[in-house]
Amino acid sequence: YYTVKDILGILIFILILISLVLFAPDLMGDPDNYTPANPLNTPPHIKPE
């Protein structure tokens, strides 16, 4: 009985995880990854030593 409940719980967890990965992959992403890079400017946090 407990094995069936454990397998059901794992399947539900895997189903939720797969649905997040396939249908909303950018849900937890960093918004800075979507800004286009400018090769003429260096980022302000990089300073010469």
C-alpha atoms as a PDB file:
ATOM      1  CA  TYR A   1       0.000   0.000   0.000  1.00  0.00           C
ATOM      2  CA  TYR A   2       2.744   2.457   0.914  1.00  0.00           C
ATOM      3  CA  THR A   3       4.692   1.578  -2.208  1.00  0.00           C
ATOM      4  CA  VAL A   4       1.717   2.537  -4.378  1.00  0.00           C
ATOM      5  CA  LYS A   5       1.340   5.843  -2.522  1.00  0.00           C
ATOM      6  CA  ASP A   6       5.057   6.572  -2.856  1.00  0.00           C
ATOM      7  CA  ILE A   7       5.067   5.797  -6.574  1.00  0.00           C
ATOM      8  CA  LEU A   8       1.966   7.963  -7.076  1.00  0.00           C
ATOM      9  CA  GLY A   9       3.587  10.859  -5.211  1.00  0.00           C
ATOM     10  CA  ILE A  10       6.781  10.558  -7.231  1.00  0.00           C
ATOM     11  CA  LEU A  11       4.822  10.440 -10.497  1.00  0.00           C
ATOM     12  CA  ILE A  12       2.840  13.551  -9.566  1.00  0.00           C
ATOM     13  CA  PHE A  13       6.056  15.355  -8.624  1.00  0.00           C
ATOM     14  CA  ILE A  14       7.732  14.337 -11.890  1.00  0.00           C
ATOM     15  CA  LEU A  15       4.648  15.404 -13.867  1.00  0.00           C
ATOM     16  CA  ILE A  16       4.691  18.862 -12.272  1.00  0.00           C
ATOM     17  CA  LEU A  17       8.430  19.186 -12.854  1.00  0.00           C
ATOM     18  CA  ILE A  18       8.196  18.111 -16.503  1.00  0.00           C
ATOM     19  CA  SER A  19       5.282  20.483 -17.128  1.00  0.00           C
ATOM     20  CA  LEU A  20       7.301  23.378 -15.698  1.00  0.00           C
ATOM     21  CA  VAL A  21      10.330  22.499 -17.798  1.00  0.00           C
ATOM     22  CA  LEU A  22       8.388  22.056 -21.034  1.00  0.00           C
ATOM     23  CA  PHE A  23       5.740  24.780 -20.807  1.00  0.00           C
ATOM     24  CA  ALA A  24       7.363  27.525 -18.708  1.00  0.00           C
ATOM     25  CA  PRO A  25      11.157  27.189 -18.943  1.00  0.00           C
ATOM     26  CA  ASP A  26      11.749  30.919 -18.386  1.00  0.00           C
ATOM     27  CA  LEU A  27       9.622  31.161 -15.261  1.00  0.00           C
ATOM     28  CA  MET A  28      12.530  31.249 -12.812  1.00  0.00           C
ATOM     29  CA  GLY A  29      15.052  32.837 -15.180  1.00  0.00           C
ATOM     30  CA  ASP A  30      17.080  35.967 -14.595  1.00  0.00           C
ATOM     31  CA  PRO A  31      15.721  38.941 -16.580  1.00  0.00           C
ATOM     32  CA  ASP A  32      19.266  40.146 -17.316  1.00  0.00           C
ATOM     33  CA  ASN A  33      19.715  37.174 -19.619  1.00  0.00           C
ATOM     34  CA  TYR A  34      17.281  38.745 -22.093  1.00  0.00           C
ATOM     35  CA  THR A  35      19.010  42.085 -22.534  1.00  0.00           C
ATOM     36  CA  PRO A  36      21.106  42.118 -25.708  1.00  0.00           C
ATOM     37  CA  ALA A  37      24.848  42.449 -25.250  1.00  0.00           C
ATOM     38  CA  ASN A  38      26.627  45.586 -26.351  1.00  0.00           C
ATOM     39  CA  PRO A  39      30.179  44.739 -27.488  1.00  0.00           C
ATOM     40  CA  LEU A  40      31.249  48.407 -27.369  1.00  0.00           C
ATOM     41  CA  ASN A  41      30.638  48.854 -23.627  1.00  0.00           C
ATOM     42  CA  THR A  42      32.083  46.914 -20.744  1.00  0.00           C
ATOM     43  CA  PRO A  43      29.800  46.282 -17.781  1.00  0.00           C
ATOM     44  CA  PRO A  44      30.152  48.888 -15.009  1.00  0.00           C
ATOM     45  CA  HIS A  45      31.151  46.329 -12.371  1.00  0.00           C
ATOM     46  CA  ILE A  46      34.335  45.413 -14.299  1.00  0.00           C
ATOM     47  CA  LYS A  47      37.123  47.826 -13.376  1.00  0.00           C
ATOM     48  CA  PRO A  48      40.825  47.793 -14.275  1.00  0.00           C
ATOM     49  CA  GLU A  49      43.172  46.699 -11.530  1.00  0.00           C
END
